[in-house]
Amino acid sequence: MTNEFILEGLCCSSCATKIEGAVSRLEGVESVTINLATTKLKIEATAGLAKNMFEIVKGIAHTYAPDIRVIKKGESSGIALERTDKKRMAWLNVGGAAFHFSTIFRLFWSFYALNHPHFR
């Protein structure tokens, strides 16, 4: 039986590897994959283990990364998504400032180079 979860807040490949290893060592688990880009955890397990899989995964995830929020695929968590969106927006603002600075610098340098006697 396949179980899929979203590990919201997972951004560390080391934590993902540790979680994947701990889940794969459980008896009855056939395969485990974590996609770090999408933060999706996919587990193939026997039917007996699949019933309690959410609580087991939640416990393992919090052992290695206490800030991770485990969500069953298909459910949503508005509060956590809002927090994640704020973090993403902060990175966009920083990236935007860096982009503007580099663009202004390039324009300045190109005008300087065009007007400098060595470049004529």
PDB file of N, CA and C in Angstrom:
ATOM      1  N   MET A   1       0.841  -1.171   0.000  1.00  0.00           N
ATOM      2  CA  MET A   1       0.000   0.000   0.000  1.00  0.00           C
ATOM      3  C   MET A   1       0.896   1.247   0.000  1.00  0.00           C
ATOM      4  N   THR A   2       0.513   2.227  -0.787  1.00  0.00           N
ATOM      5  CA  THR A   2       1.302   3.451  -0.937  1.00  0.00           C
ATOM      6  C   THR A   2       0.751   4.561  -0.038  1.00  0.00           C
ATOM      7  N   ASN A   3       1.667   5.201   0.683  1.00  0.00           N
ATOM      8  CA  ASN A   3       1.328   6.378   1.483  1.00  0.00           C
ATOM      9  C   ASN A   3       2.163   7.538   0.979  1.00  0.00           C
ATOM     10  N   GLU A   4       1.547   8.695   0.850  1.00  0.00           N
ATOM     11  CA  GLU A   4       2.276   9.889   0.432  1.00  0.00           C
ATOM     12  C   GLU A   4       2.040  11.010   1.430  1.00  0.00           C
ATOM     13  N   PHE A   5       3.125  11.692   1.764  1.00  0.00           N
ATOM     14  CA  PHE A   5       3.076  12.788   2.716  1.00  0.00           C
ATOM     15  C   PHE A   5       3.853  13.965   2.163  1.00  0.00           C
ATOM     16  N   ILE A   6       3.539  15.137   2.673  1.00  0.00           N
ATOM     17  CA  ILE A   6       4.307  16.336   2.360  1.00  0.00           C
ATOM     18  C   ILE A   6       5.033  16.727   3.637  1.00  0.00           C
ATOM     19  N   LEU A   7       6.338  16.884   3.540  1.00  0.00           N
ATOM     20  CA  LEU A   7       7.151  17.281   4.683  1.00  0.00           C
ATOM     21  C   LEU A   7       7.399  18.783   4.569  1.00  0.00           C
ATOM     22  N   GLU A   8       6.450  19.549   5.027  1.00  0.00           N
ATOM     23  CA  GLU A   8       6.499  20.996   4.875  1.00  0.00           C
ATOM     24  C   GLU A   8       7.619  21.579   5.732  1.00  0.00           C
ATOM     25  N   GLY A   9       8.467  22.380   5.130  1.00  0.00           N
ATOM     26  CA  GLY A   9       9.576  22.992   5.837  1.00  0.00           C
ATOM     27  C   GLY A   9      10.876  22.223   5.692  1.00  0.00           C
ATOM     28  N   LEU A  10      10.853  21.101   4.987  1.00  0.00           N
ATOM     29  CA  LEU A  10      12.069  20.316   4.775  1.00  0.00           C
ATOM     30  C   LEU A  10      12.923  20.993   3.714  1.00  0.00           C
ATOM     31  N   CYS A  11      14.117  21.396   4.096  1.00  0.00           N
ATOM     32  CA  CYS A  11      14.997  22.058   3.136  1.00  0.00           C
ATOM     33  C   CYS A  11      16.425  21.535   3.222  1.00  0.00           C
ATOM     34  N   CYS A  12      16.670  20.585   4.093  1.00  0.00           N
ATOM     35  CA  CYS A  12      18.018  20.072   4.326  1.00  0.00           C
ATOM     36  C   CYS A  12      18.131  18.664   3.762  1.00  0.00           C
ATOM     37  N   SER A  13      19.076  18.451   2.859  1.00  0.00           N
ATOM     38  CA  SER A  13      19.228  17.126   2.254  1.00  0.00           C
ATOM     39  C   SER A  13      19.711  16.104   3.275  1.00  0.00           C
ATOM     40  N   SER A  14      20.471  16.550   4.257  1.00  0.00           N
ATOM     41  CA  SER A  14      20.935  15.644   5.303  1.00  0.00           C
ATOM     42  C   SER A  14      19.763  15.123   6.128  1.00  0.00           C
ATOM     43  N   CYS A  15      18.854  16.011   6.496  1.00  0.00           N
ATOM     44  CA  CYS A  15      17.652  15.609   7.247  1.00  0.00           C
ATOM     45  C   CYS A  15      16.792  14.661   6.417  1.00  0.00           C
ATOM     46  N   ALA A  16      16.662  14.964   5.126  1.00  0.00           N
ATOM     47  CA  ALA A  16      15.866  14.109   4.235  1.00  0.00           C
ATOM     48  C   ALA A  16      16.464  12.706   4.171  1.00  0.00           C
ATOM     49  N   THR A  17      17.779  12.618   4.091  1.00  0.00           N
ATOM     50  CA  THR A  17      18.450  11.316   4.033  1.00  0.00           C
ATOM     51  C   THR A  17      18.255  10.548   5.328  1.00  0.00           C
ATOM     52  N   LYS A  18      18.349  11.239   6.460  1.00  0.00           N
ATOM     53  CA  LYS A  18      18.157  10.585   7.759  1.00  0.00           C
ATOM     54  C   LYS A  18      16.731  10.087   7.921  1.00  0.00           C
ATOM     55  N   ILE A  19      15.762  10.893   7.524  1.00  0.00           N
ATOM     56  CA  ILE A  19      14.359  10.485   7.618  1.00  0.00           C
ATOM     57  C   ILE A  19      14.100   9.294   6.705  1.00  0.00           C
ATOM     58  N   GLU A  20      14.612   9.377   5.490  1.00  0.00           N
ATOM     59  CA  GLU A  20      14.438   8.285   4.529  1.00  0.00           C
ATOM     60  C   GLU A  20      15.040   6.988   5.060  1.00  0.00           C
ATOM     61  N   GLY A  21      16.223   7.077   5.650  1.00  0.00           N
ATOM     62  CA  GLY A  21      16.877   5.887   6.203  1.00  0.00           C
ATOM     63  C   GLY A  21      16.111   5.304   7.374  1.00  0.00           C
ATOM     64  N   ALA A  22      15.623   6.152   8.272  1.00  0.00           N
ATOM     65  CA  ALA A  22      14.884   5.671   9.440  1.00  0.00           C
ATOM     66  C   ALA A  22      13.572   5.004   9.039  1.00  0.00           C
ATOM     67  N   VAL A  23      12.884   5.589   8.069  1.00  0.00           N
ATOM     68  CA  VAL A  23      11.625   4.992   7.613  1.00  0.00           C
ATOM     69  C   VAL A  23      11.895   3.678   6.880  1.00  0.00           C
ATOM     70  N   SER A  24      12.960   3.622   6.095  1.00  0.00           N
ATOM     71  CA  SER A  24      13.257   2.393   5.333  1.00  0.00           C
ATOM     72  C   SER A  24      13.640   1.227   6.243  1.00  0.00           C
ATOM     73  N   ARG A  25      14.131   1.520   7.454  1.00  0.00           N
ATOM     74  CA  ARG A  25      14.502   0.454   8.387  1.00  0.00           C
ATOM     75  C   ARG A  25      13.306  -0.135   9.129  1.00  0.00           C
ATOM     76  N   LEU A  26      12.129   0.481   9.002  1.00  0.00           N
ATOM     77  CA  LEU A  26      10.941  -0.050   9.664  1.00  0.00           C
ATOM     78  C   LEU A  26      10.545  -1.384   9.041  1.00  0.00           C
ATOM     79  N   GLU A  27      10.084  -2.287   9.877  1.00  0.00           N
ATOM     80  CA  GLU A  27       9.662  -3.594   9.385  1.00  0.00           C
ATOM     81  C   GLU A  27       8.351  -3.452   8.613  1.00  0.00           C
ATOM     82  N   GLY A  28       8.324  -3.967   7.402  1.00  0.00           N
ATOM     83  CA  GLY A  28       7.134  -3.884   6.559  1.00  0.00           C
ATOM     84  C   GLY A  28       7.225  -2.811   5.491  1.00  0.00           C
ATOM     85  N   VAL A  29       8.260  -1.991   5.532  1.00  0.00           N
ATOM     86  CA  VAL A  29       8.440  -0.952   4.520  1.00  0.00           C
ATOM     87  C   VAL A  29       9.224  -1.544   3.356  1.00  0.00           C
ATOM     88  N   GLU A  30       8.654  -1.430   2.163  1.00  0.00           N
ATOM     89  CA  GLU A  30       9.288  -1.971   0.967  1.00  0.00           C
ATOM     90  C   GLU A  30      10.167  -0.944   0.271  1.00  0.00           C
ATOM     91  N   SER A  31       9.706   0.310   0.156  1.00  0.00           N
ATOM     92  CA  SER A  31      10.512   1.359  -0.469  1.00  0.00           C
ATOM     93  C   SER A  31      10.114   2.721   0.077  1.00  0.00           C
ATOM     94  N   VAL A  32      11.103   3.620   0.090  1.00  0.00           N
ATOM     95  CA  VAL A  32      10.893   4.982   0.583  1.00  0.00           C
ATOM     96  C   VAL A  32      11.616   5.932  -0.366  1.00  0.00           C
ATOM     97  N   THR A  33      10.949   7.004  -0.773  1.00  0.00           N
ATOM     98  CA  THR A  33      11.604   8.046  -1.564  1.00  0.00           C
ATOM     99  C   THR A  33      11.160   9.408  -1.063  1.00  0.00           C
ATOM    100  N   ILE A  34      12.132  10.300  -0.959  1.00  0.00           N
ATOM    101  CA  ILE A  34      11.836  11.689  -0.614  1.00  0.00           C
ATOM    102  C   ILE A  34      12.329  12.552  -1.759  1.00  0.00           C
ATOM    103  N   ASN A  35      11.448  13.362  -2.293  1.00  0.00           N
ATOM    104  CA  ASN A  35      11.816  14.336  -3.309  1.00  0.00           C
ATOM    105  C   ASN A  35      12.006  15.663  -2.594  1.00  0.00           C
ATOM    106  N   LEU A  36      13.256  16.087  -2.460  1.00  0.00           N
ATOM    107  CA  LEU A  36      13.555  17.292  -1.698  1.00  0.00           C
ATOM    108  C   LEU A  36      12.985  18.546  -2.356  1.00  0.00           C
ATOM    109  N   ALA A  37      12.923  18.564  -3.679  1.00  0.00           N
ATOM    110  CA  ALA A  37      12.398  19.739  -4.387  1.00  0.00           C
ATOM    111  C   ALA A  37      10.918  19.964  -4.095  1.00  0.00           C
ATOM    112  N   THR A  38      10.155  18.890  -4.035  1.00  0.00           N
ATOM    113  CA  THR A  38       8.717  19.008  -3.774  1.00  0.00           C
ATOM    114  C   THR A  38       8.358  18.683  -2.324  1.00  0.00           C
ATOM    115  N   THR A  39       9.327  18.231  -1.546  1.00  0.00           N
ATOM    116  CA  THR A  39       9.181  17.804  -0.141  1.00  0.00           C
ATOM    117  C   THR A  39       8.133  16.704   0.013  1.00  0.00           C
ATOM    118  N   LYS A  40       8.032  15.842  -0.991  1.00  0.00           N
ATOM    119  CA  LYS A  40       7.075  14.735  -0.926  1.00  0.00           C
ATOM    120  C   LYS A  40       7.784  13.459  -0.484  1.00  0.00           C
ATOM    121  N   LEU A  41       7.140  12.752   0.410  1.00  0.00           N
ATOM    122  CA  LEU A  41       7.624  11.470   0.911  1.00  0.00           C
ATOM    123  C   LEU A  41       6.659  10.401   0.427  1.00  0.00           C
ATOM    124  N   LYS A  42       7.189   9.403  -0.267  1.00  0.00           N
ATOM    125  CA  LYS A  42       6.360   8.312  -0.784  1.00  0.00           C
ATOM    126  C   LYS A  42       6.854   7.013  -0.167  1.00  0.00           C
ATOM    127  N   ILE A  43       5.941   6.266   0.443  1.00  0.00           N
ATOM    128  CA  ILE A  43       6.287   5.034   1.144  1.00  0.00           C
ATOM    129  C   ILE A  43       5.436   3.890   0.611  1.00  0.00           C
ATOM    130  N   GLU A  44       6.096   2.822   0.225  1.00  0.00           N
ATOM    131  CA  GLU A  44       5.421   1.564  -0.139  1.00  0.00           C
ATOM    132  C   GLU A  44       5.581   0.643   1.059  1.00  0.00           C
ATOM    133  N   ALA A  45       4.457   0.255   1.682  1.00  0.00           N
ATOM    134  CA  ALA A  45       4.515  -0.579   2.880  1.00  0.00           C
ATOM    135  C   ALA A  45       3.388  -1.602   2.876  1.00  0.00           C
ATOM    136  N   THR A  46       3.505  -2.569   3.777  1.00  0.00           N
ATOM    137  CA  THR A  46       2.459  -3.571   3.911  1.00  0.00           C
ATOM    138  C   THR A  46       1.217  -2.919   4.506  1.00  0.00           C
ATOM    139  N   ALA A  47       0.073  -3.574   4.328  1.00  0.00           N
ATOM    140  CA  ALA A  47      -1.204  -2.999   4.767  1.00  0.00           C
ATOM    141  C   ALA A  47      -1.256  -2.809   6.281  1.00  0.00           C
ATOM    142  N   GLY A  48      -0.643  -3.694   7.038  1.00  0.00           N
ATOM    143  CA  GLY A  48      -0.674  -3.593   8.493  1.00  0.00           C
ATOM    144  C   GLY A  48       0.042  -2.355   9.012  1.00  0.00           C
ATOM    145  N   LEU A  49       1.147  -2.010   8.401  1.00  0.00           N
ATOM    146  CA  LEU A  49       1.932  -0.859   8.819  1.00  0.00           C
ATOM    147  C   LEU A  49       1.336   0.443   8.300  1.00  0.00           C
ATOM    148  N   ALA A  50       0.648   0.370   7.185  1.00  0.00           N
ATOM    149  CA  ALA A  50       0.127   1.570   6.527  1.00  0.00           C
ATOM    150  C   ALA A  50      -0.911   2.301   7.376  1.00  0.00           C
ATOM    151  N   LYS A  51      -1.602   1.593   8.262  1.00  0.00           N
ATOM    152  CA  LYS A  51      -2.636   2.221   9.085  1.00  0.00           C
ATOM    153  C   LYS A  51      -2.045   3.276  10.025  1.00  0.00           C
ATOM    154  N   ASN A  52      -0.906   2.986  10.605  1.00  0.00           N
ATOM    155  CA  ASN A  52      -0.287   3.888  11.578  1.00  0.00           C
ATOM    156  C   ASN A  52       0.844   4.716  10.979  1.00  0.00           C
ATOM    157  N   MET A  53       0.972   4.718   9.676  1.00  0.00           N
ATOM    158  CA  MET A  53       2.135   5.334   9.040  1.00  0.00           C
ATOM    159  C   MET A  53       2.236   6.835   9.317  1.00  0.00           C
ATOM    160  N   PHE A  54       1.125   7.543   9.369  1.00  0.00           N
ATOM    161  CA  PHE A  54       1.182   8.984   9.590  1.00  0.00           C
ATOM    162  C   PHE A  54       1.853   9.311  10.927  1.00  0.00           C
ATOM    163  N   GLU A  55       1.442   8.652  11.984  1.00  0.00           N
ATOM    164  CA  GLU A  55       2.011   8.912  13.309  1.00  0.00           C
ATOM    165  C   GLU A  55       3.482   8.502  13.364  1.00  0.00           C
ATOM    166  N   ILE A  56       3.822   7.410  12.711  1.00  0.00           N
ATOM    167  CA  ILE A  56       5.208   6.946  12.695  1.00  0.00           C
ATOM    168  C   ILE A  56       6.098   7.943  11.964  1.00  0.00           C
ATOM    169  N   VAL A  57       5.657   8.370  10.791  1.00  0.00           N
ATOM    170  CA  VAL A  57       6.436   9.334  10.000  1.00  0.00           C
ATOM    171  C   VAL A  57       6.551  10.660  10.748  1.00  0.00           C
ATOM    172  N   LYS A  58       5.486  11.085  11.379  1.00  0.00           N
ATOM    173  CA  LYS A  58       5.500  12.332  12.137  1.00  0.00           C
ATOM    174  C   LYS A  58       6.542  12.268  13.257  1.00  0.00           C
ATOM    175  N   GLY A  59       6.595  11.155  13.960  1.00  0.00           N
ATOM    176  CA  GLY A  59       7.575  10.980  15.033  1.00  0.00           C
ATOM    177  C   GLY A  59       9.003  10.973  14.522  1.00  0.00           C
ATOM    178  N   ILE A  60       9.236  10.257  13.434  1.00  0.00           N
ATOM    179  CA  ILE A  60      10.582  10.193  12.852  1.00  0.00           C
ATOM    180  C   ILE A  60      11.007  11.558  12.331  1.00  0.00           C
ATOM    181  N   ALA A  61      10.116  12.242  11.639  1.00  0.00           N
ATOM    182  CA  ALA A  61      10.456  13.553  11.073  1.00  0.00           C
ATOM    183  C   ALA A  61      10.809  14.550  12.167  1.00  0.00           C
ATOM    184  N   HIS A  62      10.050  14.544  13.246  1.00  0.00           N
ATOM    185  CA  HIS A  62      10.313  15.498  14.330  1.00  0.00           C
ATOM    186  C   HIS A  62      11.585  15.148  15.099  1.00  0.00           C
ATOM    187  N   THR A  63      12.016  13.900  15.032  1.00  0.00           N
ATOM    188  CA  THR A  63      13.278  13.516  15.665  1.00  0.00           C
ATOM    189  C   THR A  63      14.453  14.193  14.972  1.00  0.00           C
ATOM    190  N   TYR A  64      14.435  14.220  13.646  1.00  0.00           N
ATOM    191  CA  TYR A  64      15.564  14.761  12.885  1.00  0.00           C
ATOM    192  C   TYR A  64      15.418  16.249  12.557  1.00  0.00           C
ATOM    193  N   ALA A  65      14.213  16.720  12.424  1.00  0.00           N
ATOM    194  CA  ALA A  65      13.981  18.135  12.095  1.00  0.00           C
ATOM    195  C   ALA A  65      12.689  18.582  12.769  1.00  0.00           C
ATOM    196  N   PRO A  66      12.782  19.172  13.965  1.00  0.00           N
ATOM    197  CA  PRO A  66      11.581  19.532  14.726  1.00  0.00           C
ATOM    198  C   PRO A  66      10.677  20.555  14.041  1.00  0.00           C
ATOM    199  N   ASP A  67      11.200  21.320  13.092  1.00  0.00           N
ATOM    200  CA  ASP A  67      10.392  22.354  12.429  1.00  0.00           C
ATOM    201  C   ASP A  67       9.543  21.819  11.283  1.00  0.00           C
ATOM    202  N   ILE A  68       9.730  20.565  10.927  1.00  0.00           N
ATOM    203  CA  ILE A  68       8.981  19.987   9.806  1.00  0.00           C
ATOM    204  C   ILE A  68       7.544  19.711  10.229  1.00  0.00           C
ATOM    205  N   ARG A  69       6.644  20.012   9.320  1.00  0.00           N
ATOM    206  CA  ARG A  69       5.221  19.712   9.529  1.00  0.00           C
ATOM    207  C   ARG A  69       4.841  18.622   8.535  1.00  0.00           C
ATOM    208  N   VAL A  70       4.378  17.491   9.047  1.00  0.00           N
ATOM    209  CA  VAL A  70       3.998  16.361   8.203  1.00  0.00           C
ATOM    210  C   VAL A  70       2.521  16.481   7.868  1.00  0.00           C
ATOM    211  N   ILE A  71       2.216  16.433   6.572  1.00  0.00           N
ATOM    212  CA  ILE A  71       0.838  16.570   6.098  1.00  0.00           C
ATOM    213  C   ILE A  71       0.538  15.399   5.173  1.00  0.00           C
ATOM    214  N   LYS A  72      -0.617  14.787   5.377  1.00  0.00           N
ATOM    215  CA  LYS A  72      -1.037  13.735   4.455  1.00  0.00           C
ATOM    216  C   LYS A  72      -1.324  14.374   3.112  1.00  0.00           C
ATOM    217  N   LYS A  73      -0.919  13.710   2.041  1.00  0.00           N
ATOM    218  CA  LYS A  73      -1.138  14.271   0.711  1.00  0.00           C
ATOM    219  C   LYS A  73      -2.632  14.454   0.477  1.00  0.00           C
ATOM    220  N   GLY A  74      -2.996  15.632   0.012  1.00  0.00           N
ATOM    221  CA  GLY A  74      -4.390  15.944  -0.234  1.00  0.00           C
ATOM    222  C   GLY A  74      -4.976  16.857   0.821  1.00  0.00           C
ATOM    223  N   GLU A  75      -4.353  16.911   2.008  1.00  0.00           N
ATOM    224  CA  GLU A  75      -4.807  17.830   3.050  1.00  0.00           C
ATOM    225  C   GLU A  75      -4.012  19.119   2.936  1.00  0.00           C
ATOM    226  N   SER A  76      -4.523  20.174   3.516  1.00  0.00           N
ATOM    227  CA  SER A  76      -3.808  21.447   3.474  1.00  0.00           C
ATOM    228  C   SER A  76      -3.667  22.004   4.876  1.00  0.00           C
ATOM    229  N   SER A  77      -2.684  22.860   5.030  1.00  0.00           N
ATOM    230  CA  SER A  77      -2.495  23.553   6.307  1.00  0.00           C
ATOM    231  C   SER A  77      -2.263  25.014   5.998  1.00  0.00           C
ATOM    232  N   GLY A  78      -3.291  25.813   6.103  1.00  0.00           N
ATOM    233  CA  GLY A  78      -3.219  27.213   5.732  1.00  0.00           C
ATOM    234  C   GLY A  78      -2.195  28.003   6.509  1.00  0.00           C
ATOM    235  N   ILE A  79      -2.066  27.755   7.812  1.00  0.00           N
ATOM    236  CA  ILE A  79      -1.136  28.521   8.642  1.00  0.00           C
ATOM    237  C   ILE A  79       0.292  28.251   8.204  1.00  0.00           C
ATOM    238  N   ALA A  80       0.637  26.989   8.037  1.00  0.00           N
ATOM    239  CA  ALA A  80       2.010  26.652   7.667  1.00  0.00           C
ATOM    240  C   ALA A  80       2.318  27.137   6.252  1.00  0.00           C
ATOM    241  N   LEU A  81       1.352  27.049   5.346  1.00  0.00           N
ATOM    242  CA  LEU A  81       1.595  27.525   3.992  1.00  0.00           C
ATOM    243  C   LEU A  81       1.804  29.029   3.974  1.00  0.00           C
ATOM    244  N   GLU A  82       1.053  29.737   4.816  1.00  0.00           N
ATOM    245  CA  GLU A  82       1.223  31.182   4.895  1.00  0.00           C
ATOM    246  C   GLU A  82       2.626  31.527   5.389  1.00  0.00           C
ATOM    247  N   ARG A  83       3.114  30.791   6.393  1.00  0.00           N
ATOM    248  CA  ARG A  83       4.455  31.015   6.927  1.00  0.00           C
ATOM    249  C   ARG A  83       5.496  30.726   5.851  1.00  0.00           C
ATOM    250  N   THR A  84       5.311  29.652   5.099  1.00  0.00           N
ATOM    251  CA  THR A  84       6.245  29.298   4.033  1.00  0.00           C
ATOM    252  C   THR A  84       6.231  30.361   2.943  1.00  0.00           C
ATOM    253  N   ASP A  85       5.059  30.876   2.596  1.00  0.00           N
ATOM    254  CA  ASP A  85       4.968  31.925   1.579  1.00  0.00           C
ATOM    255  C   ASP A  85       5.703  33.181   2.020  1.00  0.00           C
ATOM    256  N   LYS A  86       5.623  33.533   3.303  1.00  0.00           N
ATOM    257  CA  LYS A  86       6.337  34.704   3.801  1.00  0.00           C
ATOM    258  C   LYS A  86       7.842  34.512   3.667  1.00  0.00           C
ATOM    259  N   LYS A  87       8.329  33.300   3.964  1.00  0.00           N
ATOM    260  CA  LYS A  87       9.762  33.023   3.820  1.00  0.00           C
ATOM    261  C   LYS A  87      10.176  33.161   2.355  1.00  0.00           C
ATOM    262  N   ARG A  88       9.367  32.622   1.461  1.00  0.00           N
ATOM    263  CA  ARG A  88       9.693  32.704   0.039  1.00  0.00           C
ATOM    264  C   ARG A  88       9.713  34.153  -0.430  1.00  0.00           C
ATOM    265  N   MET A  89       8.755  34.952   0.039  1.00  0.00           N
ATOM    266  CA  MET A  89       8.705  36.355  -0.357  1.00  0.00           C
ATOM    267  C   MET A  89       9.935  37.106   0.148  1.00  0.00           C
ATOM    268  N   ALA A  90      10.401  36.763   1.356  1.00  0.00           N
ATOM    269  CA  ALA A  90      11.602  37.421   1.880  1.00  0.00           C
ATOM    270  C   ALA A  90      12.788  37.123   0.971  1.00  0.00           C
ATOM    271  N   TRP A  91      12.924  35.882   0.511  1.00  0.00           N
ATOM    272  CA  TRP A  91      14.022  35.533  -0.395  1.00  0.00           C
ATOM    273  C   TRP A  91      13.879  36.254  -1.727  1.00  0.00           C
ATOM    274  N   LEU A  92      12.645  36.390  -2.206  1.00  0.00           N
ATOM    275  CA  LEU A  92      12.437  37.098  -3.463  1.00  0.00           C
ATOM    276  C   LEU A  92      12.849  38.557  -3.338  1.00  0.00           C
ATOM    277  N   ASN A  93      12.531  39.172  -2.210  1.00  0.00           N
ATOM    278  CA  ASN A  93      12.907  40.570  -2.006  1.00  0.00           C
ATOM    279  C   ASN A  93      14.415  40.732  -1.980  1.00  0.00           C
ATOM    280  N   VAL A  94      15.102  39.831  -1.298  1.00  0.00           N
ATOM    281  CA  VAL A  94      16.566  39.891  -1.258  1.00  0.00           C
ATOM    282  C   VAL A  94      17.124  39.672  -2.654  1.00  0.00           C
ATOM    283  N   GLY A  95      16.610  38.676  -3.342  1.00  0.00           N
ATOM    284  CA  GLY A  95      17.067  38.407  -4.706  1.00  0.00           C
ATOM    285  C   GLY A  95      16.776  39.559  -5.637  1.00  0.00           C
ATOM    286  N   GLY A  96      15.630  40.195  -5.459  1.00  0.00           N
ATOM    287  CA  GLY A  96      15.274  41.343  -6.282  1.00  0.00           C
ATOM    288  C   GLY A  96      16.237  42.494  -6.092  1.00  0.00           C
ATOM    289  N   ALA A  97      16.630  42.756  -4.832  1.00  0.00           N
ATOM    290  CA  ALA A  97      17.576  43.841  -4.556  1.00  0.00           C
ATOM    291  C   ALA A  97      18.929  43.531  -5.199  1.00  0.00           C
ATOM    292  N   ALA A  98      19.357  42.281  -5.116  1.00  0.00           N
ATOM    293  CA  ALA A  98      20.629  41.897  -5.722  1.00  0.00           C
ATOM    294  C   ALA A  98      20.557  42.036  -7.238  1.00  0.00           C
ATOM    295  N   PHE A  99      19.432  41.690  -7.811  1.00  0.00           N
ATOM    296  CA  PHE A  99      19.275  41.814  -9.258  1.00  0.00           C
ATOM    297  C   PHE A  99      19.361  43.282  -9.673  1.00  0.00           C
ATOM    298  N   HIS A 100      18.667  44.142  -8.951  1.00  0.00           N
ATOM    299  CA  HIS A 100      18.684  45.569  -9.299  1.00  0.00           C
ATOM    300  C   HIS A 100      20.089  46.152  -9.160  1.00  0.00           C
ATOM    301  N   PHE A 101      20.794  45.776  -8.118  1.00  0.00           N
ATOM    302  CA  PHE A 101      22.149  46.274  -7.918  1.00  0.00           C
ATOM    303  C   PHE A 101      23.051  45.836  -9.062  1.00  0.00           C
ATOM    304  N   SER A 102      22.965  44.555  -9.436  1.00  0.00           N
ATOM    305  CA  SER A 102      23.829  44.069 -10.507  1.00  0.00           C
ATOM    306  C   SER A 102      23.496  44.728 -11.836  1.00  0.00           C
ATOM    307  N   THR A 103      22.224  44.996 -12.089  1.00  0.00           N
ATOM    308  CA  THR A 103      21.824  45.661 -13.327  1.00  0.00           C
ATOM    309  C   THR A 103      22.357  47.091 -13.376  1.00  0.00           C
ATOM    310  N   ILE A 104      22.229  47.811 -12.270  1.00  0.00           N
ATOM    311  CA  ILE A 104      22.736  49.185 -12.218  1.00  0.00           C
ATOM    312  C   ILE A 104      24.256  49.192 -12.392  1.00  0.00           C
ATOM    313  N   PHE A 105      24.931  48.258 -11.737  1.00  0.00           N
ATOM    314  CA  PHE A 105      26.387  48.180 -11.860  1.00  0.00           C
ATOM    315  C   PHE A 105      26.802  47.913 -13.305  1.00  0.00           C
ATOM    316  N   ARG A 106      26.117  46.993 -13.959  1.00  0.00           N
ATOM    317  CA  ARG A 106      26.448  46.684 -15.358  1.00  0.00           C
ATOM    318  C   ARG A 106      26.231  47.890 -16.267  1.00  0.00           C
ATOM    319  N   LEU A 107      25.145  48.615 -16.049  1.00  0.00           N
ATOM    320  CA  LEU A 107      24.888  49.813 -16.850  1.00  0.00           C
ATOM    321  C   LEU A 107      25.975  50.858 -16.627  1.00  0.00           C
ATOM    322  N   PHE A 108      26.329  51.073 -15.366  1.00  0.00           N
ATOM    323  CA  PHE A 108      27.382  52.028 -15.051  1.00  0.00           C
ATOM    324  C   PHE A 108      28.686  51.624 -15.731  1.00  0.00           C
ATOM    325  N   TRP A 109      29.044  50.356 -15.618  1.00  0.00           N
ATOM    326  CA  TRP A 109      30.306  49.882 -16.181  1.00  0.00           C
ATOM    327  C   TRP A 109      30.308  49.995 -17.713  1.00  0.00           C
ATOM    328  N   SER A 110      29.193  49.706 -18.349  1.00  0.00           N
ATOM    329  CA  SER A 110      29.155  49.791 -19.809  1.00  0.00           C
ATOM    330  C   SER A 110      29.285  51.244 -20.273  1.00  0.00           C
ATOM    331  N   PHE A 111      28.643  52.197 -19.586  1.00  0.00           N
ATOM    332  CA  PHE A 111      28.800  53.606 -19.954  1.00  0.00           C
ATOM    333  C   PHE A 111      30.223  54.093 -19.691  1.00  0.00           C
ATOM    334  N   TYR A 112      30.805  53.640 -18.597  1.00  0.00           N
ATOM    335  CA  TYR A 112      32.180  54.012 -18.271  1.00  0.00           C
ATOM    336  C   TYR A 112      33.126  53.483 -19.350  1.00  0.00           C
ATOM    337  N   ALA A 113      32.922  52.241 -19.730  1.00  0.00           N
ATOM    338  CA  ALA A 113      33.804  51.621 -20.723  1.00  0.00           C
ATOM    339  C   ALA A 113      33.648  52.308 -22.087  1.00  0.00           C
ATOM    340  N   LEU A 114      32.439  52.692 -22.439  1.00  0.00           N
ATOM    341  CA  LEU A 114      32.228  53.344 -23.733  1.00  0.00           C
ATOM    342  C   LEU A 114      32.890  54.736 -23.787  1.00  0.00           C
ATOM    343  N   ASN A 115      32.944  55.409 -22.669  1.00  0.00           N
ATOM    344  CA  ASN A 115      33.480  56.751 -22.630  1.00  0.00           C
ATOM    345  C   ASN A 115      34.961  56.812 -22.254  1.00  0.00           C
ATOM    346  N   HIS A 116      35.545  55.727 -21.870  1.00  0.00           N
ATOM    347  CA  HIS A 116      36.953  55.723 -21.479  1.00  0.00           C
ATOM    348  C   HIS A 116      37.841  55.728 -22.718  1.00  0.00           C
ATOM    349  N   PRO A 117      38.945  56.496 -22.701  1.00  0.00           N
ATOM    350  CA  PRO A 117      39.793  56.605 -23.900  1.00  0.00           C
ATOM    351  C   PRO A 117      40.446  55.287 -24.317  1.00  0.00           C
ATOM    352  N   HIS A 118      40.722  54.399 -23.386  1.00  0.00           N
ATOM    353  CA  HIS A 118      41.362  53.124 -23.741  1.00  0.00           C
ATOM    354  C   HIS A 118      40.426  52.180 -24.512  1.00  0.00           C
ATOM    355  N   PHE A 119      39.147  52.404 -24.386  1.00  0.00           N
ATOM    356  CA  PHE A 119      38.184  51.508 -25.021  1.00  0.00           C
ATOM    357  C   PHE A 119      37.617  52.068 -26.321  1.00  0.00           C
ATOM    358  N   ARG A 120      38.112  53.191 -26.764  1.00  0.00           N
ATOM    359  CA  ARG A 120      37.587  53.793 -27.992  1.00  0.00           C
ATOM    360  C   ARG A 120      38.269  53.260 -29.208  1.00  0.00           C
TER     361      ARG A 120
END
